[in-house]
Amino acid sequence: MASSSKADRNALIIRMVALALVSILALEWFKANYVIGVDEQEIKCIPGVDYVIGNLNDREIQRGQIYIVESEGLEPLFKNGTLLVKFLRALPGDRVTVNERGVFVNGEQVADAGLPNAEKLGREPADFYGERVLGEDEYWILGTTPESFDSRYWGSVTYDQIKARAYPIL
């Protein structure tokens, strides 16, 4: 009887170790392929979306889709490497216009007027007005509210900054 009890205990330990190893491998696989984003801001860049899952293997560029983008040169507001979640609104070759009426891509309005973050940056909204054609490796990303800190303020991002296609989960 004692040997049966010891054998049962050993079998249980082996199963627990195997389960722990499988769990660790599954977690490492998930971390290598996906990222989970949490928007804790009071005013959301994408209203109604608190969580996204980003597929690190899906960086196919499609206008109008949501992407996780790595910040670069946005200090002191965001440290380099901070992950942001935004809509991709303009691609290389597109004409982007920012003026008092809003943001336009190839003449089509993609964002309403207003640059409320200009004041926080110690600048006037007109400082961000302009028109240009995006270069070969330039992408324009926007949130959906005037309060979003996005390409309206800091210009385009590169393909290397686009880390994953993002999918809202909540």
C-alpha atoms as a PDB file:
ATOM      1  CA  MET A   1       0.000   0.000   0.000  1.00  0.00           C
ATOM      2  CA  ALA A   2       2.789   2.388   0.889  1.00  0.00           C
ATOM      3  CA  SER A   3       4.429   1.862  -2.489  1.00  0.00           C
ATOM      4  CA  SER A   4       1.137   2.591  -4.270  1.00  0.00           C
ATOM      5  CA  SER A   5       0.800   5.858  -2.352  1.00  0.00           C
ATOM      6  CA  LYS A   6       4.396   6.792  -3.194  1.00  0.00           C
ATOM      7  CA  ALA A   7       3.843   5.895  -6.871  1.00  0.00           C
ATOM      8  CA  ASP A   8       0.671   8.029  -6.944  1.00  0.00           C
ATOM      9  CA  ARG A   9       2.555  10.949  -5.395  1.00  0.00           C
ATOM     10  CA  ASN A  10       5.409  10.590  -7.918  1.00  0.00           C
ATOM     11  CA  ALA A  11       2.934  10.431 -10.811  1.00  0.00           C
ATOM     12  CA  LEU A  12       1.221  13.567  -9.504  1.00  0.00           C
ATOM     13  CA  ILE A  13       4.554  15.395  -9.254  1.00  0.00           C
ATOM     14  CA  ILE A  14       5.469  14.368 -12.808  1.00  0.00           C
ATOM     15  CA  ARG A  15       2.083  15.590 -14.101  1.00  0.00           C
ATOM     16  CA  MET A  16       2.454  18.901 -12.237  1.00  0.00           C
ATOM     17  CA  VAL A  17       5.972  19.474 -13.610  1.00  0.00           C
ATOM     18  CA  ALA A  18       4.797  18.593 -17.132  1.00  0.00           C
ATOM     19  CA  LEU A  19       1.849  20.987 -16.804  1.00  0.00           C
ATOM     20  CA  ALA A  20       4.155  23.740 -15.530  1.00  0.00           C
ATOM     21  CA  LEU A  21       6.548  23.220 -18.472  1.00  0.00           C
ATOM     22  CA  VAL A  22       3.726  23.244 -21.026  1.00  0.00           C
ATOM     23  CA  SER A  23       2.323  26.410 -19.415  1.00  0.00           C
ATOM     24  CA  ILE A  24       5.720  28.142 -19.536  1.00  0.00           C
ATOM     25  CA  LEU A  25       6.222  27.167 -23.186  1.00  0.00           C
ATOM     26  CA  ALA A  26       2.724  28.384 -24.097  1.00  0.00           C
ATOM     27  CA  LEU A  27       3.305  31.695 -22.304  1.00  0.00           C
ATOM     28  CA  GLU A  28       6.677  32.207 -24.025  1.00  0.00           C
ATOM     29  CA  TRP A  29       5.115  31.435 -27.417  1.00  0.00           C
ATOM     30  CA  PHE A  30       2.325  33.946 -26.718  1.00  0.00           C
ATOM     31  CA  LYS A  31       4.807  36.655 -25.651  1.00  0.00           C
ATOM     32  CA  ALA A  32       6.867  36.073 -28.814  1.00  0.00           C
ATOM     33  CA  ASN A  33       3.826  36.460 -31.081  1.00  0.00           C
ATOM     34  CA  TYR A  34       1.369  38.796 -29.345  1.00  0.00           C
ATOM     35  CA  VAL A  35       1.206  41.880 -27.174  1.00  0.00           C
ATOM     36  CA  ILE A  36      -1.724  43.081 -25.081  1.00  0.00           C
ATOM     37  CA  GLY A  37      -2.344  46.816 -24.894  1.00  0.00           C
ATOM     38  CA  VAL A  38      -4.297  48.577 -22.163  1.00  0.00           C
ATOM     39  CA  ASP A  39      -5.576  52.150 -22.604  1.00  0.00           C
ATOM     40  CA  GLU A  40      -5.876  53.648 -19.134  1.00  0.00           C
ATOM     41  CA  GLN A  41      -6.440  57.216 -20.335  1.00  0.00           C
ATOM     42  CA  GLU A  42      -9.530  59.059 -19.177  1.00  0.00           C
ATOM     43  CA  ILE A  43     -10.186  60.313 -22.725  1.00  0.00           C
ATOM     44  CA  LYS A  44      -9.534  57.370 -25.023  1.00  0.00           C
ATOM     45  CA  CYS A  45      -7.862  57.791 -28.419  1.00  0.00           C
ATOM     46  CA  ILE A  46     -10.252  55.137 -29.684  1.00  0.00           C
ATOM     47  CA  PRO A  47     -13.473  55.534 -27.649  1.00  0.00           C
ATOM     48  CA  GLY A  48     -14.900  52.322 -26.222  1.00  0.00           C
ATOM     49  CA  VAL A  49     -11.648  50.393 -26.611  1.00  0.00           C
ATOM     50  CA  ASP A  50      -9.836  49.621 -23.365  1.00  0.00           C
ATOM     51  CA  TYR A  51      -7.846  46.567 -24.464  1.00  0.00           C
ATOM     52  CA  VAL A  52      -6.292  45.426 -27.727  1.00  0.00           C
ATOM     53  CA  ILE A  53      -4.320  42.373 -28.707  1.00  0.00           C
ATOM     54  CA  GLY A  54      -1.539  42.927 -31.195  1.00  0.00           C
ATOM     55  CA  ASN A  55      -0.359  40.209 -33.546  1.00  0.00           C
ATOM     56  CA  LEU A  56       3.408  40.765 -33.895  1.00  0.00           C
ATOM     57  CA  ASN A  57       3.412  38.595 -37.029  1.00  0.00           C
ATOM     58  CA  ASP A  58       0.786  40.742 -38.780  1.00  0.00           C
ATOM     59  CA  ARG A  59       2.310  44.008 -39.948  1.00  0.00           C
ATOM     60  CA  GLU A  60       0.563  44.083 -43.318  1.00  0.00           C
ATOM     61  CA  ILE A  61      -0.278  47.722 -43.932  1.00  0.00           C
ATOM     62  CA  GLN A  62      -3.922  48.548 -44.599  1.00  0.00           C
ATOM     63  CA  ARG A  63      -5.381  52.023 -44.459  1.00  0.00           C
ATOM     64  CA  GLY A  64      -8.046  52.412 -41.780  1.00  0.00           C
ATOM     65  CA  GLN A  65      -6.825  49.552 -39.585  1.00  0.00           C
ATOM     66  CA  ILE A  66      -5.598  49.841 -35.999  1.00  0.00           C
ATOM     67  CA  TYR A  67      -1.897  49.350 -35.243  1.00  0.00           C
ATOM     68  CA  ILE A  68       0.412  49.310 -32.261  1.00  0.00           C
ATOM     69  CA  VAL A  69       3.158  51.835 -32.935  1.00  0.00           C
ATOM     70  CA  GLU A  70       6.394  52.390 -31.025  1.00  0.00           C
ATOM     71  CA  SER A  71       6.987  56.034 -30.104  1.00  0.00           C
ATOM     72  CA  GLU A  72      10.196  57.739 -31.114  1.00  0.00           C
ATOM     73  CA  GLY A  73      11.199  61.320 -30.342  1.00  0.00           C
ATOM     74  CA  LEU A  74       8.037  62.180 -28.368  1.00  0.00           C
ATOM     75  CA  GLU A  75       9.733  62.948 -25.074  1.00  0.00           C
ATOM     76  CA  PRO A  76       8.883  64.361 -22.569  1.00  0.00           C
ATOM     77  CA  LEU A  77       5.267  63.255 -23.192  1.00  0.00           C
ATOM     78  CA  PHE A  78       6.182  59.654 -24.027  1.00  0.00           C
ATOM     79  CA  LYS A  79       9.468  57.868 -23.440  1.00  0.00           C
ATOM     80  CA  ASN A  80      11.020  56.338 -26.553  1.00  0.00           C
ATOM     81  CA  GLY A  81       9.636  52.838 -27.012  1.00  0.00           C
ATOM     82  CA  THR A  82       6.222  53.579 -25.491  1.00  0.00           C
ATOM     83  CA  LEU A  83       3.595  51.611 -27.409  1.00  0.00           C
ATOM     84  CA  LEU A  84       0.685  53.641 -28.812  1.00  0.00           C
ATOM     85  CA  VAL A  85      -2.514  52.377 -30.440  1.00  0.00           C
ATOM     86  CA  LYS A  86      -3.761  54.403 -33.426  1.00  0.00           C
ATOM     87  CA  PHE A  87      -5.549  54.145 -36.767  1.00  0.00           C
ATOM     88  CA  LEU A  88      -3.389  54.199 -39.889  1.00  0.00           C
ATOM     89  CA  ARG A  89      -4.875  56.958 -42.051  1.00  0.00           C
ATOM     90  CA  ALA A  90      -2.300  57.769 -44.745  1.00  0.00           C
ATOM     91  CA  LEU A  91       0.290  55.813 -46.722  1.00  0.00           C
ATOM     92  CA  PRO A  92       3.406  56.731 -48.700  1.00  0.00           C
ATOM     93  CA  GLY A  93       2.450  58.975 -51.622  1.00  0.00           C
ATOM     94  CA  ASP A  94      -0.688  60.337 -49.935  1.00  0.00           C
ATOM     95  CA  ARG A  95      -1.159  64.099 -49.593  1.00  0.00           C
ATOM     96  CA  VAL A  96      -1.833  65.056 -45.960  1.00  0.00           C
ATOM     97  CA  THR A  97      -3.277  68.449 -45.058  1.00  0.00           C
ATOM     98  CA  VAL A  98      -3.721  69.779 -41.519  1.00  0.00           C
ATOM     99  CA  ASN A  99      -5.573  73.084 -41.211  1.00  0.00           C
ATOM    100  CA  GLU A 100      -8.200  74.923 -39.171  1.00  0.00           C
ATOM    101  CA  ARG A 101     -10.926  72.699 -40.692  1.00  0.00           C
ATOM    102  CA  GLY A 102      -9.322  69.351 -39.783  1.00  0.00           C
ATOM    103  CA  VAL A 103      -7.042  66.679 -41.215  1.00  0.00           C
ATOM    104  CA  PHE A 104      -7.416  65.621 -44.844  1.00  0.00           C
ATOM    105  CA  VAL A 105      -5.838  62.755 -46.773  1.00  0.00           C
ATOM    106  CA  ASN A 106      -5.971  63.167 -50.548  1.00  0.00           C
ATOM    107  CA  GLY A 107      -8.728  65.763 -50.042  1.00  0.00           C
ATOM    108  CA  GLU A 108     -10.913  63.526 -47.844  1.00  0.00           C
ATOM    109  CA  GLN A 109     -11.448  64.606 -44.240  1.00  0.00           C
ATOM    110  CA  VAL A 110     -10.190  61.971 -41.777  1.00  0.00           C
ATOM    111  CA  ALA A 111     -10.220  64.002 -38.533  1.00  0.00           C
ATOM    112  CA  ASP A 112     -12.212  66.943 -37.218  1.00  0.00           C
ATOM    113  CA  ALA A 113     -10.786  70.378 -36.546  1.00  0.00           C
ATOM    114  CA  GLY A 114      -9.040  71.144 -33.320  1.00  0.00           C
ATOM    115  CA  LEU A 115      -5.570  70.749 -31.913  1.00  0.00           C
ATOM    116  CA  PRO A 116      -6.122  71.080 -28.150  1.00  0.00           C
ATOM    117  CA  ASN A 117      -2.715  69.594 -27.324  1.00  0.00           C
ATOM    118  CA  ALA A 118      -0.925  72.506 -29.014  1.00  0.00           C
ATOM    119  CA  GLU A 119      -1.316  74.586 -25.866  1.00  0.00           C
ATOM    120  CA  LYS A 120       0.126  71.771 -23.717  1.00  0.00           C
ATOM    121  CA  LEU A 121       3.156  71.842 -26.000  1.00  0.00           C
ATOM    122  CA  GLY A 122       3.469  75.630 -25.643  1.00  0.00           C
ATOM    123  CA  ARG A 123       2.562  76.255 -29.281  1.00  0.00           C
ATOM    124  CA  GLU A 124      -0.277  77.609 -31.380  1.00  0.00           C
ATOM    125  CA  PRO A 125      -2.513  75.273 -33.438  1.00  0.00           C
ATOM    126  CA  ALA A 126      -1.377  77.066 -36.608  1.00  0.00           C
ATOM    127  CA  ASP A 127       2.174  75.839 -35.903  1.00  0.00           C
ATOM    128  CA  PHE A 128       0.960  72.367 -36.879  1.00  0.00           C
ATOM    129  CA  TYR A 129      -0.870  73.404 -40.058  1.00  0.00           C
ATOM    130  CA  GLY A 130       0.572  72.373 -43.373  1.00  0.00           C
ATOM    131  CA  GLU A 131       0.358  70.136 -46.386  1.00  0.00           C
ATOM    132  CA  ARG A 132       2.768  67.557 -47.736  1.00  0.00           C
ATOM    133  CA  VAL A 133       3.057  64.304 -49.627  1.00  0.00           C
ATOM    134  CA  LEU A 134       4.253  61.405 -47.496  1.00  0.00           C
ATOM    135  CA  GLY A 135       7.593  59.906 -48.484  1.00  0.00           C
ATOM    136  CA  GLU A 136       8.478  56.307 -49.261  1.00  0.00           C
ATOM    137  CA  ASP A 137       8.573  55.093 -45.638  1.00  0.00           C
ATOM    138  CA  GLU A 138       6.098  57.470 -43.999  1.00  0.00           C
ATOM    139  CA  TYR A 139       2.751  56.560 -42.458  1.00  0.00           C
ATOM    140  CA  TRP A 140       0.222  58.905 -40.821  1.00  0.00           C
ATOM    141  CA  ILE A 141      -1.516  57.642 -37.692  1.00  0.00           C
ATOM    142  CA  LEU A 142      -4.438  59.196 -35.833  1.00  0.00           C
ATOM    143  CA  GLY A 143      -6.678  58.592 -32.870  1.00  0.00           C
ATOM    144  CA  THR A 144     -10.374  59.356 -33.244  1.00  0.00           C
ATOM    145  CA  THR A 145     -10.694  62.324 -30.895  1.00  0.00           C
ATOM    146  CA  PRO A 146      -9.246  65.851 -31.118  1.00  0.00           C
ATOM    147  CA  GLU A 147      -7.440  65.124 -27.826  1.00  0.00           C
ATOM    148  CA  SER A 148      -5.410  62.289 -29.380  1.00  0.00           C
ATOM    149  CA  PHE A 149      -1.684  62.963 -29.435  1.00  0.00           C
ATOM    150  CA  ASP A 150      -0.815  61.642 -32.868  1.00  0.00           C
ATOM    151  CA  SER A 151       0.637  62.480 -36.299  1.00  0.00           C
ATOM    152  CA  ARG A 152      -1.137  65.857 -36.248  1.00  0.00           C
ATOM    153  CA  TYR A 153       1.480  66.934 -33.722  1.00  0.00           C
ATOM    154  CA  TRP A 154       4.582  64.895 -34.478  1.00  0.00           C
ATOM    155  CA  GLY A 155       4.301  63.868 -38.104  1.00  0.00           C
ATOM    156  CA  SER A 156       4.637  60.484 -39.697  1.00  0.00           C
ATOM    157  CA  VAL A 157       5.999  57.183 -38.405  1.00  0.00           C
ATOM    158  CA  THR A 158       8.143  54.652 -40.251  1.00  0.00           C
ATOM    159  CA  TYR A 159       7.315  51.040 -41.026  1.00  0.00           C
ATOM    160  CA  ASP A 160       9.843  49.942 -38.386  1.00  0.00           C
ATOM    161  CA  GLN A 161       7.801  51.786 -35.738  1.00  0.00           C
ATOM    162  CA  ILE A 162       4.665  49.832 -36.674  1.00  0.00           C
ATOM    163  CA  LYS A 163       4.944  46.790 -34.412  1.00  0.00           C
ATOM    164  CA  ALA A 164       1.659  44.942 -34.856  1.00  0.00           C
ATOM    165  CA  ARG A 165      -1.835  45.034 -36.214  1.00  0.00           C
ATOM    166  CA  ALA A 166      -4.138  45.582 -33.234  1.00  0.00           C
ATOM    167  CA  TYR A 167      -7.532  44.043 -32.607  1.00  0.00           C
ATOM    168  CA  PRO A 168      -9.907  45.492 -29.973  1.00  0.00           C
ATOM    169  CA  ILE A 169     -10.892  42.861 -27.414  1.00  0.00           C
ATOM    170  CA  LEU A 170     -12.858  45.007 -24.926  1.00  0.00           C
END
